Amino acid sequence: MPASMQQETARIRTIHRDRPVAEAMQALAEPGIGALVVVEGFGADAPVLGLLTQRDIFRAVAAEGPDVYGRCVWLITDHDFPAVDVGASAQERLRAFCDRQVDHIALMESCRVSAILSIWDCATERAAGVVS
């Protein structure tokens, strides 16, 4: 996938809002990529529009059929995505997953996405006895 379309920073992978859902699905199939941050522009300061996961794509395909793969990602993006502050405790992070019944949340620092956490990240942290 061209660098101008998608960027990886630490645990964050972005995709431009106008890219096709099929391209997002290919990116989500890569190891370690559980969610994409959908952005309006390009570069580190591109405004965030939402979060897109495989689950979002599966639901869209189930509701609308395989034509979804040719549509722009912003049409199926969760614009009201779950997020917690970087200072949130492991318990608060876990609560965010449960409250929203999602597999991924954004970890925010000063109104910027600093990481995408999976439910497995929190479960692993709790199982290892890490207390925040």
N, C-alpha and C. Protein backbone atom coordinates (compact mmCIF):
# COMPACT_ATOMS: atom_id res chain seq x y z
N MET A 1 0.83 -1.16 0.00
CA MET A 1 0.00 0.00 0.00
C MET A 1 0.89 1.24 0.00
N PRO A 2 0.60 2.23 -0.86
CA PRO A 2 1.46 3.41 -0.95
C PRO A 2 1.52 4.16 0.38
N ALA A 3 2.69 4.72 0.69
CA ALA A 3 2.88 5.44 1.95
C ALA A 3 1.97 6.64 2.03
N SER A 4 1.63 7.26 0.90
CA SER A 4 0.75 8.42 0.93
C SER A 4 -0.67 8.05 1.33
N MET A 5 -1.02 6.80 1.17
CA MET A 5 -2.37 6.34 1.51
C MET A 5 -2.46 5.92 2.96
N GLN A 6 -1.39 5.38 3.47
CA GLN A 6 -1.42 4.80 4.79
C GLN A 6 -0.09 5.01 5.48
N GLN A 7 -0.13 5.21 6.76
CA GLN A 7 1.09 5.50 7.50
C GLN A 7 1.06 4.70 8.79
N GLU A 8 2.21 4.20 9.19
CA GLU A 8 2.29 3.48 10.45
C GLU A 8 3.20 4.23 11.39
N THR A 9 2.68 4.54 12.57
CA THR A 9 3.47 5.20 13.59
C THR A 9 3.23 4.44 14.88
N ALA A 10 4.27 3.83 15.41
CA ALA A 10 4.14 3.01 16.61
C ALA A 10 3.05 1.98 16.37
N ARG A 11 1.97 2.06 17.11
CA ARG A 11 0.88 1.10 16.97
C ARG A 11 -0.29 1.70 16.23
N ILE A 12 -0.07 2.78 15.51
CA ILE A 12 -1.17 3.46 14.82
C ILE A 12 -0.99 3.30 13.32
N ARG A 13 -2.04 2.89 12.67
CA ARG A 13 -2.04 2.81 11.22
C ARG A 13 -3.20 3.69 10.75
N THR A 14 -2.94 4.59 9.83
CA THR A 14 -3.99 5.48 9.33
C THR A 14 -4.32 5.14 7.88
N ILE A 15 -5.52 5.55 7.50
CA ILE A 15 -5.96 5.42 6.12
C ILE A 15 -6.81 6.64 5.79
N HIS A 16 -6.63 7.17 4.59
CA HIS A 16 -7.38 8.34 4.16
C HIS A 16 -8.84 7.96 3.95
N ARG A 17 -9.71 8.85 4.31
CA ARG A 17 -11.16 8.61 4.27
C ARG A 17 -11.69 8.18 2.90
N ASP A 18 -11.03 8.59 1.82
CA ASP A 18 -11.52 8.30 0.48
C ASP A 18 -11.01 6.98 -0.11
N ARG A 19 -10.21 6.23 0.64
CA ARG A 19 -9.69 4.95 0.14
C ARG A 19 -10.82 3.91 0.19
N PRO A 20 -10.76 2.92 -0.69
CA PRO A 20 -11.83 1.91 -0.71
C PRO A 20 -11.74 0.96 0.49
N VAL A 21 -12.89 0.45 0.87
CA VAL A 21 -12.99 -0.49 1.99
C VAL A 21 -12.12 -1.72 1.72
N ALA A 22 -12.02 -2.15 0.47
CA ALA A 22 -11.19 -3.32 0.14
C ALA A 22 -9.74 -3.08 0.54
N GLU A 23 -9.24 -1.87 0.36
CA GLU A 23 -7.87 -1.54 0.75
C GLU A 23 -7.73 -1.58 2.27
N ALA A 24 -8.73 -1.09 2.96
CA ALA A 24 -8.71 -1.13 4.43
C ALA A 24 -8.70 -2.57 4.91
N MET A 25 -9.48 -3.42 4.28
CA MET A 25 -9.54 -4.82 4.69
C MET A 25 -8.18 -5.50 4.48
N GLN A 26 -7.49 -5.17 3.40
CA GLN A 26 -6.15 -5.72 3.17
C GLN A 26 -5.20 -5.29 4.28
N ALA A 27 -5.27 -4.03 4.67
CA ALA A 27 -4.41 -3.53 5.74
C ALA A 27 -4.73 -4.21 7.06
N LEU A 28 -6.02 -4.41 7.34
CA LEU A 28 -6.43 -5.05 8.58
C LEU A 28 -6.07 -6.53 8.63
N ALA A 29 -5.78 -7.12 7.49
CA ALA A 29 -5.37 -8.52 7.44
C ALA A 29 -3.90 -8.70 7.80
N GLU A 30 -3.14 -7.60 7.85
CA GLU A 30 -1.72 -7.67 8.20
C GLU A 30 -1.56 -7.99 9.68
N PRO A 31 -0.54 -8.77 10.03
CA PRO A 31 -0.32 -9.10 11.45
C PRO A 31 -0.15 -7.85 12.32
N GLY A 32 -0.80 -7.85 13.47
CA GLY A 32 -0.66 -6.76 14.42
C GLY A 32 -1.51 -5.53 14.13
N ILE A 33 -2.30 -5.56 13.07
CA ILE A 33 -3.16 -4.41 12.73
C ILE A 33 -4.60 -4.80 13.03
N GLY A 34 -5.16 -4.22 14.08
CA GLY A 34 -6.53 -4.54 14.48
C GLY A 34 -7.52 -3.46 14.14
N ALA A 35 -7.01 -2.24 13.93
CA ALA A 35 -7.88 -1.12 13.63
C ALA A 35 -7.11 -0.07 12.85
N LEU A 36 -7.84 0.70 12.08
CA LEU A 36 -7.26 1.81 11.31
C LEU A 36 -7.87 3.11 11.79
N VAL A 37 -7.05 4.14 11.89
CA VAL A 37 -7.53 5.48 12.19
C VAL A 37 -7.82 6.13 10.85
N VAL A 38 -9.07 6.51 10.64
CA VAL A 38 -9.48 7.13 9.38
C VAL A 38 -9.26 8.64 9.51
N VAL A 39 -8.49 9.18 8.55
CA VAL A 39 -8.12 10.60 8.60
C VAL A 39 -8.62 11.36 7.38
N GLU A 40 -8.71 12.67 7.55
CA GLU A 40 -9.19 13.57 6.50
C GLU A 40 -8.10 13.93 5.51
N GLY A 41 -6.87 14.08 5.97
CA GLY A 41 -5.78 14.51 5.10
C GLY A 41 -4.60 13.58 5.21
N PHE A 42 -3.43 14.11 4.93
CA PHE A 42 -2.21 13.32 4.98
C PHE A 42 -1.24 13.96 5.97
N GLY A 43 -0.37 13.16 6.53
CA GLY A 43 0.61 13.68 7.46
C GLY A 43 0.20 13.47 8.91
N ALA A 44 1.13 13.77 9.79
CA ALA A 44 0.94 13.52 11.22
C ALA A 44 -0.18 14.35 11.83
N ASP A 45 -0.48 15.51 11.26
CA ASP A 45 -1.52 16.38 11.82
C ASP A 45 -2.87 16.25 11.12
N ALA A 46 -3.06 15.21 10.32
CA ALA A 46 -4.33 15.02 9.62
C ALA A 46 -5.46 14.82 10.63
N PRO A 47 -6.57 15.53 10.44
CA PRO A 47 -7.70 15.38 11.35
C PRO A 47 -8.25 13.95 11.35
N VAL A 48 -8.54 13.44 12.54
CA VAL A 48 -9.08 12.09 12.69
C VAL A 48 -10.59 12.13 12.53
N LEU A 49 -11.11 11.25 11.67
CA LEU A 49 -12.55 11.16 11.46
C LEU A 49 -13.17 10.01 12.25
N GLY A 50 -12.38 8.99 12.52
CA GLY A 50 -12.93 7.86 13.24
C GLY A 50 -12.00 6.66 13.24
N LEU A 51 -12.55 5.56 13.68
CA LEU A 51 -11.82 4.31 13.82
C LEU A 51 -12.54 3.24 13.01
N LEU A 52 -11.78 2.42 12.29
CA LEU A 52 -12.36 1.36 11.46
C LEU A 52 -11.72 0.03 11.82
N THR A 53 -12.56 -0.97 12.07
CA THR A 53 -12.08 -2.31 12.43
C THR A 53 -12.66 -3.33 11.47
N GLN A 54 -12.13 -4.56 11.54
CA GLN A 54 -12.69 -5.64 10.73
C GLN A 54 -14.16 -5.84 11.06
N ARG A 55 -14.49 -5.72 12.33
CA ARG A 55 -15.89 -5.89 12.74
C ARG A 55 -16.80 -4.91 12.02
N ASP A 56 -16.35 -3.65 11.86
CA ASP A 56 -17.15 -2.64 11.14
C ASP A 56 -17.37 -3.08 9.70
N ILE A 57 -16.32 -3.61 9.09
CA ILE A 57 -16.43 -4.06 7.70
C ILE A 57 -17.35 -5.27 7.60
N PHE A 58 -17.21 -6.23 8.50
CA PHE A 58 -18.08 -7.41 8.48
C PHE A 58 -19.55 -7.01 8.61
N ARG A 59 -19.83 -6.07 9.52
CA ARG A 59 -21.21 -5.62 9.71
C ARG A 59 -21.74 -4.93 8.45
N ALA A 60 -20.92 -4.12 7.82
CA ALA A 60 -21.34 -3.42 6.60
C ALA A 60 -21.60 -4.41 5.47
N VAL A 61 -20.74 -5.41 5.33
CA VAL A 61 -20.94 -6.42 4.29
C VAL A 61 -22.22 -7.22 4.58
N ALA A 62 -22.45 -7.57 5.84
CA ALA A 62 -23.66 -8.32 6.21
C ALA A 62 -24.92 -7.50 5.91
N ALA A 63 -24.86 -6.20 6.14
CA ALA A 63 -26.02 -5.34 5.93
C ALA A 63 -26.23 -4.95 4.47
N GLU A 64 -25.13 -4.72 3.75
CA GLU A 64 -25.24 -4.13 2.41
C GLU A 64 -24.69 -5.00 1.29
N GLY A 65 -24.01 -6.09 1.64
CA GLY A 65 -23.46 -6.96 0.61
C GLY A 65 -22.03 -6.59 0.23
N PRO A 66 -21.44 -7.36 -0.66
CA PRO A 66 -20.02 -7.18 -1.02
C PRO A 66 -19.71 -5.90 -1.78
N ASP A 67 -20.73 -5.16 -2.24
CA ASP A 67 -20.47 -3.88 -2.91
C ASP A 67 -19.79 -2.90 -1.98
N VAL A 68 -19.87 -3.14 -0.67
CA VAL A 68 -19.25 -2.27 0.32
C VAL A 68 -17.75 -2.14 0.06
N TYR A 69 -17.12 -3.20 -0.42
CA TYR A 69 -15.67 -3.19 -0.63
C TYR A 69 -15.21 -2.10 -1.59
N GLY A 70 -16.08 -1.63 -2.47
CA GLY A 70 -15.73 -0.59 -3.42
C GLY A 70 -16.02 0.82 -2.93
N ARG A 71 -16.67 0.94 -1.80
CA ARG A 71 -17.03 2.26 -1.26
C ARG A 71 -15.88 2.86 -0.44
N CYS A 72 -16.00 4.14 -0.16
CA CYS A 72 -14.99 4.84 0.65
C CYS A 72 -15.12 4.44 2.12
N VAL A 73 -13.98 4.34 2.80
CA VAL A 73 -13.99 3.88 4.18
C VAL A 73 -14.78 4.79 5.11
N TRP A 74 -14.83 6.08 4.86
CA TRP A 74 -15.53 6.98 5.78
C TRP A 74 -17.01 6.67 5.87
N LEU A 75 -17.57 5.99 4.85
CA LEU A 75 -18.99 5.66 4.87
C LEU A 75 -19.34 4.61 5.93
N ILE A 76 -18.35 3.80 6.34
CA ILE A 76 -18.64 2.77 7.34
C ILE A 76 -17.81 2.95 8.61
N THR A 77 -17.14 4.08 8.72
CA THR A 77 -16.28 4.35 9.87
C THR A 77 -17.09 4.75 11.09
N ASP A 78 -16.66 4.26 12.25
CA ASP A 78 -17.27 4.66 13.52
C ASP A 78 -16.71 6.03 13.90
N HIS A 79 -17.53 7.07 13.70
CA HIS A 79 -17.08 8.44 13.97
C HIS A 79 -17.14 8.76 15.46
N ASP A 80 -17.92 8.01 16.20
CA ASP A 80 -18.03 8.17 17.65
C ASP A 80 -17.27 7.02 18.31
N PHE A 81 -15.98 6.95 18.02
CA PHE A 81 -15.19 5.81 18.48
C PHE A 81 -14.85 5.94 19.96
N PRO A 82 -14.72 4.80 20.63
CA PRO A 82 -14.37 4.82 22.05
C PRO A 82 -12.91 5.22 22.25
N ALA A 83 -12.69 6.06 23.24
CA ALA A 83 -11.34 6.55 23.52
C ALA A 83 -11.18 6.79 25.02
N VAL A 84 -9.95 6.63 25.48
CA VAL A 84 -9.61 6.93 26.87
C VAL A 84 -8.32 7.74 26.88
N ASP A 85 -8.11 8.46 27.95
CA ASP A 85 -6.91 9.26 28.11
C ASP A 85 -5.71 8.34 28.39
N VAL A 86 -4.53 8.76 27.96
CA VAL A 86 -3.32 7.96 28.19
C VAL A 86 -3.10 7.68 29.67
N GLY A 87 -3.59 8.54 30.53
CA GLY A 87 -3.42 8.36 31.97
C GLY A 87 -4.44 7.44 32.60
N ALA A 88 -5.37 6.91 31.81
CA ALA A 88 -6.41 6.03 32.35
C ALA A 88 -5.79 4.75 32.90
N SER A 89 -6.33 4.29 34.00
CA SER A 89 -5.84 3.04 34.60
C SER A 89 -6.27 1.85 33.75
N ALA A 90 -5.67 0.71 34.00
CA ALA A 90 -6.05 -0.51 33.29
C ALA A 90 -7.52 -0.81 33.52
N GLN A 91 -8.00 -0.57 34.73
CA GLN A 91 -9.42 -0.79 35.04
C GLN A 91 -10.32 0.14 34.21
N GLU A 92 -9.94 1.40 34.09
CA GLU A 92 -10.72 2.35 33.29
C GLU A 92 -10.70 1.97 31.81
N ARG A 93 -9.57 1.50 31.33
CA ARG A 93 -9.48 1.07 29.93
C ARG A 93 -10.39 -0.13 29.69
N LEU A 94 -10.34 -1.09 30.59
CA LEU A 94 -11.18 -2.28 30.47
C LEU A 94 -12.65 -1.90 30.52
N ARG A 95 -13.00 -0.96 31.37
CA ARG A 95 -14.38 -0.50 31.46
C ARG A 95 -14.84 0.11 30.14
N ALA A 96 -13.95 0.85 29.45
CA ALA A 96 -14.30 1.44 28.16
C ALA A 96 -14.63 0.36 27.14
N PHE A 97 -13.86 -0.73 27.13
CA PHE A 97 -14.17 -1.85 26.24
C PHE A 97 -15.54 -2.43 26.54
N CYS A 98 -15.80 -2.65 27.81
CA CYS A 98 -17.07 -3.27 28.22
C CYS A 98 -18.26 -2.35 27.98
N ASP A 99 -18.11 -1.07 28.33
CA ASP A 99 -19.21 -0.13 28.16
C ASP A 99 -19.64 0.00 26.71
N ARG A 100 -18.67 0.03 25.81
CA ARG A 100 -18.98 0.19 24.38
C ARG A 100 -19.09 -1.13 23.63
N GLN A 101 -18.73 -2.24 24.28
CA GLN A 101 -18.76 -3.58 23.67
C GLN A 101 -18.00 -3.60 22.34
N VAL A 102 -16.73 -3.18 22.42
CA VAL A 102 -15.86 -3.11 21.25
C VAL A 102 -14.58 -3.89 21.50
N ASP A 103 -13.85 -4.13 20.43
CA ASP A 103 -12.58 -4.84 20.51
C ASP A 103 -11.38 -3.90 20.52
N HIS A 104 -11.59 -2.63 20.12
CA HIS A 104 -10.49 -1.66 20.02
C HIS A 104 -10.94 -0.31 20.54
N ILE A 105 -10.01 0.39 21.22
CA ILE A 105 -10.25 1.75 21.67
C ILE A 105 -9.02 2.59 21.34
N ALA A 106 -9.24 3.89 21.24
CA ALA A 106 -8.12 4.80 21.00
C ALA A 106 -7.60 5.30 22.34
N LEU A 107 -6.30 5.36 22.45
CA LEU A 107 -5.65 5.93 23.61
C LEU A 107 -5.26 7.36 23.21
N MET A 108 -5.82 8.34 23.90
CA MET A 108 -5.69 9.74 23.50
C MET A 108 -4.72 10.50 24.41
N GLU A 109 -3.97 11.39 23.78
CA GLU A 109 -3.07 12.29 24.51
C GLU A 109 -3.22 13.68 23.89
N SER A 110 -3.75 14.61 24.67
CA SER A 110 -3.95 15.99 24.20
C SER A 110 -4.73 16.02 22.88
N CYS A 111 -5.85 15.35 22.84
CA CYS A 111 -6.74 15.33 21.67
C CYS A 111 -6.12 14.67 20.44
N ARG A 112 -5.07 13.88 20.63
CA ARG A 112 -4.44 13.14 19.53
C ARG A 112 -4.42 11.66 19.87
N VAL A 113 -4.61 10.83 18.88
CA VAL A 113 -4.55 9.39 19.08
C VAL A 113 -3.08 9.01 19.25
N SER A 114 -2.75 8.43 20.40
CA SER A 114 -1.36 8.03 20.63
C SER A 114 -1.17 6.54 20.42
N ALA A 115 -2.25 5.76 20.50
CA ALA A 115 -2.18 4.31 20.26
C ALA A 115 -3.58 3.77 20.09
N ILE A 116 -3.66 2.61 19.49
CA ILE A 116 -4.91 1.86 19.41
C ILE A 116 -4.70 0.62 20.27
N LEU A 117 -5.58 0.43 21.23
CA LEU A 117 -5.49 -0.73 22.11
C LEU A 117 -6.55 -1.75 21.76
N SER A 118 -6.17 -3.01 21.79
CA SER A 118 -7.15 -4.08 21.61
C SER A 118 -7.56 -4.59 22.98
N ILE A 119 -8.67 -5.27 23.03
CA ILE A 119 -9.11 -5.87 24.28
C ILE A 119 -8.04 -6.84 24.78
N TRP A 120 -7.31 -7.43 23.87
CA TRP A 120 -6.26 -8.38 24.24
C TRP A 120 -5.09 -7.68 24.92
N ASP A 121 -4.80 -6.44 24.51
CA ASP A 121 -3.75 -5.67 25.19
C ASP A 121 -4.10 -5.50 26.66
N CYS A 122 -5.36 -5.15 26.92
CA CYS A 122 -5.79 -4.94 28.31
C CYS A 122 -5.84 -6.26 29.07
N ALA A 123 -6.32 -7.31 28.43
CA ALA A 123 -6.39 -8.61 29.10
C ALA A 123 -5.00 -9.10 29.45
N THR A 124 -4.05 -8.93 28.55
CA THR A 124 -2.67 -9.35 28.79
C THR A 124 -2.06 -8.56 29.94
N GLU A 125 -2.33 -7.25 29.93
CA GLU A 125 -1.83 -6.38 30.99
C GLU A 125 -2.38 -6.81 32.35
N ARG A 126 -3.67 -7.10 32.39
CA ARG A 126 -4.30 -7.52 33.65
C ARG A 126 -3.77 -8.89 34.09
N ALA A 127 -3.62 -9.80 33.15
CA ALA A 127 -3.14 -11.15 33.48
C ALA A 127 -1.71 -11.12 33.99
N ALA A 128 -0.92 -10.18 33.49
CA ALA A 128 0.47 -10.06 33.92
C ALA A 128 0.58 -9.37 35.27
N GLY A 129 -0.55 -8.88 35.78
CA GLY A 129 -0.54 -8.25 37.08
C GLY A 129 -0.12 -6.80 37.07
N VAL A 130 -0.15 -6.18 35.88
CA VAL A 130 0.20 -4.77 35.78
C VAL A 130 -0.96 -3.97 36.34
N VAL A 131 -0.67 -3.11 37.27
CA VAL A 131 -1.71 -2.27 37.89
C VAL A 131 -1.42 -0.83 37.56
N SER A 132 -2.42 -0.16 37.00
CA SER A 132 -2.28 1.27 36.66
C SER A 132 -3.23 2.08 37.51
